[in-house]
Structures are given as structure tokens and as C-alpha cells.
Amino acid sequence: MSGRSDTHPMFEPLIIEGFRKMSPSQRFKMAIEMSEAIRDLAKTGILKRHPGISDEELRKRLGALLLGRELSIKVNDWDPELEGY
């Protein structure tokens, strides 16, 4: 872990050591859980900015964040530059 980080340099080696002790399946499970947490945070942010939107609109706005503009237009017919994120 180098470069930008919110982790104090004193704790970096401990975190890296902890990851190295994990099995591949444990690391994979952690990655999935972190991904789900990020999606939940993104959904919460969208709902805070756009209260009362439909489930479909939430899906499209989340898709725009995760996929980017070009793919969002192709997949969801949603242009985030026009419709918003």
C-alpha cells in the first residue's frame, strides 16, 4: 500500500501481513463484501440526492456511476450528462 492512503504508515505493515495470512477464499470474500458496501454507499448517496425516485431510476443512476457514461448509454439508455448520476 503505497501512494495515497488514509492508513497511518505505522499500521501499513500490519495490514499487509494480515492480508498475506488470509487464504485466497478469505481475500475473495472480503473483496466481495467491500464491493457490496461501496454499492450500498453509492445507492444511499443517490437516494439522498434524489429522494423518491423509482427502483428503475436508482438502478440506472447506479449503473451510470459504475459503468461510466458510454456504457450507461448503451446498456441502460441513460446519459448521465443529461439525466444526472
N, C-alpha and C. Protein backbone atom coordinates (compact mmCIF):
# COMPACT_ATOMS: atom_id res chain seq x y z
N MET A 1 0.84 -1.18 0.00
CA MET A 1 0.00 0.00 0.00
C MET A 1 0.88 1.23 0.00
N SER A 2 1.09 1.77 -1.14
CA SER A 2 1.87 2.99 -1.19
C SER A 2 1.09 4.04 -1.95
N GLY A 3 1.58 5.27 -1.91
CA GLY A 3 0.85 6.34 -2.57
C GLY A 3 -0.19 6.91 -1.65
N ARG A 4 -1.33 7.24 -2.19
CA ARG A 4 -2.40 7.83 -1.39
C ARG A 4 -3.03 6.78 -0.48
N SER A 5 -3.18 7.13 0.78
CA SER A 5 -3.78 6.20 1.72
C SER A 5 -4.26 6.96 2.94
N ASP A 6 -5.34 6.48 3.52
CA ASP A 6 -5.79 7.06 4.78
C ASP A 6 -5.28 6.24 5.96
N THR A 7 -4.40 5.30 5.67
CA THR A 7 -3.83 4.44 6.70
C THR A 7 -2.50 5.02 7.18
N HIS A 8 -2.36 5.11 8.47
CA HIS A 8 -1.10 5.61 9.04
C HIS A 8 0.02 4.65 8.65
N PRO A 9 1.17 5.18 8.24
CA PRO A 9 2.30 4.34 7.82
C PRO A 9 2.70 3.29 8.85
N MET A 10 2.50 3.57 10.12
CA MET A 10 2.86 2.62 11.17
C MET A 10 2.01 1.34 11.07
N PHE A 11 0.78 1.46 10.58
CA PHE A 11 -0.12 0.31 10.54
C PHE A 11 -0.10 -0.44 9.20
N GLU A 12 0.47 0.18 8.17
CA GLU A 12 0.51 -0.47 6.86
C GLU A 12 1.10 -1.87 6.89
N PRO A 13 2.28 -2.07 7.50
CA PRO A 13 2.86 -3.41 7.52
C PRO A 13 1.96 -4.44 8.21
N LEU A 14 1.25 -4.02 9.24
CA LEU A 14 0.34 -4.93 9.94
C LEU A 14 -0.82 -5.34 9.05
N ILE A 15 -1.34 -4.39 8.30
CA ILE A 15 -2.45 -4.69 7.40
C ILE A 15 -1.99 -5.63 6.29
N ILE A 16 -0.84 -5.34 5.72
CA ILE A 16 -0.31 -6.20 4.65
C ILE A 16 -0.07 -7.61 5.18
N GLU A 17 0.49 -7.71 6.36
CA GLU A 17 0.73 -9.02 6.98
C GLU A 17 -0.59 -9.77 7.17
N GLY A 18 -1.61 -9.06 7.60
CA GLY A 18 -2.93 -9.67 7.78
C GLY A 18 -3.49 -10.20 6.48
N PHE A 19 -3.35 -9.43 5.40
CA PHE A 19 -3.82 -9.90 4.09
C PHE A 19 -3.05 -11.13 3.63
N ARG A 20 -1.75 -11.14 3.87
CA ARG A 20 -0.93 -12.28 3.45
C ARG A 20 -1.27 -13.56 4.20
N LYS A 21 -1.77 -13.42 5.42
CA LYS A 21 -2.15 -14.60 6.21
C LYS A 21 -3.50 -15.17 5.79
N MET A 22 -4.26 -14.39 5.05
CA MET A 22 -5.59 -14.85 4.63
C MET A 22 -5.47 -15.83 3.46
N SER A 23 -6.40 -16.75 3.42
CA SER A 23 -6.46 -17.67 2.28
C SER A 23 -7.04 -16.91 1.09
N PRO A 24 -6.84 -17.44 -0.12
CA PRO A 24 -7.43 -16.79 -1.29
C PRO A 24 -8.95 -16.64 -1.17
N SER A 25 -9.61 -17.64 -0.62
CA SER A 25 -11.07 -17.54 -0.49
C SER A 25 -11.46 -16.46 0.52
N GLN A 26 -10.67 -16.29 1.57
CA GLN A 26 -10.95 -15.22 2.54
C GLN A 26 -10.77 -13.84 1.90
N ARG A 27 -9.70 -13.69 1.11
CA ARG A 27 -9.47 -12.42 0.43
C ARG A 27 -10.58 -12.14 -0.58
N PHE A 28 -11.00 -13.18 -1.29
CA PHE A 28 -12.08 -13.02 -2.26
C PHE A 28 -13.37 -12.61 -1.56
N LYS A 29 -13.69 -13.27 -0.45
CA LYS A 29 -14.90 -12.93 0.31
C LYS A 29 -14.84 -11.48 0.79
N MET A 30 -13.68 -11.06 1.26
CA MET A 30 -13.52 -9.69 1.73
C MET A 30 -13.72 -8.70 0.58
N ALA A 31 -13.19 -9.03 -0.58
CA ALA A 31 -13.35 -8.15 -1.75
C ALA A 31 -14.82 -8.02 -2.14
N ILE A 32 -15.55 -9.13 -2.12
CA ILE A 32 -16.98 -9.10 -2.44
C ILE A 32 -17.72 -8.24 -1.42
N GLU A 33 -17.43 -8.43 -0.15
CA GLU A 33 -18.10 -7.66 0.90
C GLU A 33 -17.80 -6.16 0.77
N MET A 34 -16.56 -5.83 0.43
CA MET A 34 -16.21 -4.42 0.25
C MET A 34 -16.92 -3.83 -0.96
N SER A 35 -17.01 -4.61 -2.02
CA SER A 35 -17.72 -4.16 -3.22
C SER A 35 -19.19 -3.90 -2.92
N GLU A 36 -19.81 -4.80 -2.18
CA GLU A 36 -21.21 -4.62 -1.80
C GLU A 36 -21.39 -3.38 -0.93
N ALA A 37 -20.45 -3.15 -0.03
CA ALA A 37 -20.52 -1.97 0.84
C ALA A 37 -20.43 -0.68 0.03
N ILE A 38 -19.56 -0.67 -0.96
CA ILE A 38 -19.41 0.51 -1.81
C ILE A 38 -20.69 0.76 -2.61
N ARG A 39 -21.28 -0.32 -3.14
CA ARG A 39 -22.55 -0.18 -3.88
C ARG A 39 -23.64 0.38 -2.97
N ASP A 40 -23.70 -0.11 -1.74
CA ASP A 40 -24.70 0.38 -0.79
C ASP A 40 -24.49 1.86 -0.48
N LEU A 41 -23.23 2.26 -0.31
CA LEU A 41 -22.94 3.68 -0.07
C LEU A 41 -23.34 4.54 -1.27
N ALA A 42 -23.06 4.03 -2.47
CA ALA A 42 -23.43 4.76 -3.68
C ALA A 42 -24.95 4.91 -3.78
N LYS A 43 -25.68 3.82 -3.49
CA LYS A 43 -27.15 3.87 -3.52
C LYS A 43 -27.67 4.88 -2.51
N THR A 44 -27.10 4.88 -1.31
CA THR A 44 -27.52 5.82 -0.28
C THR A 44 -27.31 7.26 -0.74
N GLY A 45 -26.18 7.51 -1.36
CA GLY A 45 -25.90 8.86 -1.87
C GLY A 45 -26.88 9.28 -2.95
N ILE A 46 -27.20 8.36 -3.85
CA ILE A 46 -28.16 8.66 -4.91
C ILE A 46 -29.53 8.98 -4.32
N LEU A 47 -29.97 8.14 -3.38
CA LEU A 47 -31.28 8.35 -2.76
C LEU A 47 -31.33 9.64 -1.94
N LYS A 48 -30.21 10.02 -1.38
CA LYS A 48 -30.17 11.28 -0.62
C LYS A 48 -30.30 12.48 -1.56
N ARG A 49 -29.65 12.38 -2.73
CA ARG A 49 -29.70 13.46 -3.71
C ARG A 49 -31.01 13.48 -4.49
N HIS A 50 -31.64 12.31 -4.63
CA HIS A 50 -32.86 12.18 -5.44
C HIS A 50 -33.91 11.38 -4.68
N PRO A 51 -34.45 11.94 -3.60
CA PRO A 51 -35.44 11.18 -2.82
C PRO A 51 -36.69 10.89 -3.64
N GLY A 52 -37.24 9.72 -3.42
CA GLY A 52 -38.50 9.36 -4.08
C GLY A 52 -38.37 8.82 -5.49
N ILE A 53 -37.14 8.57 -5.96
CA ILE A 53 -37.01 8.03 -7.31
C ILE A 53 -37.44 6.57 -7.33
N SER A 54 -37.77 6.09 -8.52
CA SER A 54 -38.19 4.70 -8.67
C SER A 54 -36.99 3.77 -8.57
N ASP A 55 -37.27 2.49 -8.37
CA ASP A 55 -36.20 1.49 -8.34
C ASP A 55 -35.45 1.46 -9.67
N GLU A 56 -36.18 1.63 -10.77
CA GLU A 56 -35.55 1.62 -12.09
C GLU A 56 -34.59 2.80 -12.25
N GLU A 57 -35.02 3.98 -11.80
CA GLU A 57 -34.15 5.14 -11.90
C GLU A 57 -32.93 4.99 -11.00
N LEU A 58 -33.11 4.42 -9.83
CA LEU A 58 -31.98 4.15 -8.93
C LEU A 58 -30.99 3.22 -9.62
N ARG A 59 -31.51 2.18 -10.26
CA ARG A 59 -30.65 1.22 -10.97
C ARG A 59 -29.87 1.92 -12.09
N LYS A 60 -30.54 2.79 -12.83
CA LYS A 60 -29.88 3.49 -13.94
C LYS A 60 -28.83 4.47 -13.43
N ARG A 61 -29.14 5.20 -12.37
CA ARG A 61 -28.17 6.14 -11.82
C ARG A 61 -26.95 5.40 -11.24
N LEU A 62 -27.20 4.29 -10.56
CA LEU A 62 -26.10 3.49 -10.04
C LEU A 62 -25.28 2.93 -11.19
N GLY A 63 -25.96 2.46 -12.22
CA GLY A 63 -25.26 1.96 -13.40
C GLY A 63 -24.37 3.01 -14.03
N ALA A 64 -24.85 4.24 -14.07
CA ALA A 64 -24.04 5.32 -14.64
C ALA A 64 -22.77 5.54 -13.83
N LEU A 65 -22.88 5.45 -12.52
CA LEU A 65 -21.69 5.60 -11.67
C LEU A 65 -20.70 4.46 -11.87
N LEU A 66 -21.23 3.25 -11.96
CA LEU A 66 -20.37 2.07 -12.03
C LEU A 66 -19.83 1.80 -13.43
N LEU A 67 -20.63 2.10 -14.44
CA LEU A 67 -20.27 1.73 -15.81
C LEU A 67 -19.61 2.85 -16.59
N GLY A 68 -19.85 4.09 -16.18
CA GLY A 68 -19.37 5.22 -16.97
C GLY A 68 -20.41 5.61 -18.01
N ARG A 69 -20.21 6.76 -18.60
CA ARG A 69 -21.21 7.35 -19.49
C ARG A 69 -21.49 6.49 -20.72
N GLU A 70 -20.45 6.12 -21.45
CA GLU A 70 -20.64 5.41 -22.72
C GLU A 70 -21.41 4.11 -22.53
N LEU A 71 -20.99 3.30 -21.58
CA LEU A 71 -21.65 2.02 -21.35
C LEU A 71 -23.04 2.21 -20.75
N SER A 72 -23.21 3.24 -19.93
CA SER A 72 -24.52 3.53 -19.36
C SER A 72 -25.53 3.84 -20.46
N ILE A 73 -25.10 4.59 -21.45
CA ILE A 73 -25.99 4.91 -22.58
C ILE A 73 -26.33 3.64 -23.35
N LYS A 74 -25.34 2.81 -23.63
CA LYS A 74 -25.58 1.58 -24.39
C LYS A 74 -26.46 0.59 -23.65
N VAL A 75 -26.18 0.40 -22.37
CA VAL A 75 -26.86 -0.65 -21.60
C VAL A 75 -28.21 -0.19 -21.06
N ASN A 76 -28.26 1.02 -20.52
CA ASN A 76 -29.46 1.49 -19.83
C ASN A 76 -30.20 2.62 -20.54
N ASP A 77 -29.68 3.03 -21.72
CA ASP A 77 -30.26 4.17 -22.43
C ASP A 77 -30.36 5.37 -21.48
N TRP A 78 -29.29 5.60 -20.71
CA TRP A 78 -29.25 6.65 -19.69
C TRP A 78 -27.97 7.44 -19.86
N ASP A 79 -28.10 8.70 -20.25
CA ASP A 79 -26.93 9.56 -20.40
C ASP A 79 -26.79 10.38 -19.12
N PRO A 80 -25.83 10.05 -18.28
CA PRO A 80 -25.70 10.75 -17.01
C PRO A 80 -25.38 12.24 -17.17
N GLU A 81 -24.82 12.63 -18.30
CA GLU A 81 -24.56 14.06 -18.52
C GLU A 81 -25.86 14.83 -18.74
N LEU A 82 -26.90 14.14 -19.22
CA LEU A 82 -28.20 14.77 -19.42
C LEU A 82 -29.14 14.51 -18.25
N GLU A 83 -29.13 13.28 -17.76
CA GLU A 83 -30.08 12.85 -16.72
C GLU A 83 -29.52 12.99 -15.31
N GLY A 84 -28.21 12.98 -15.19
CA GLY A 84 -27.57 13.05 -13.88
C GLY A 84 -27.14 11.68 -13.39
N TYR A 85 -26.32 11.70 -12.36
CA TYR A 85 -25.83 10.46 -11.75
C TYR A 85 -26.67 10.09 -10.56
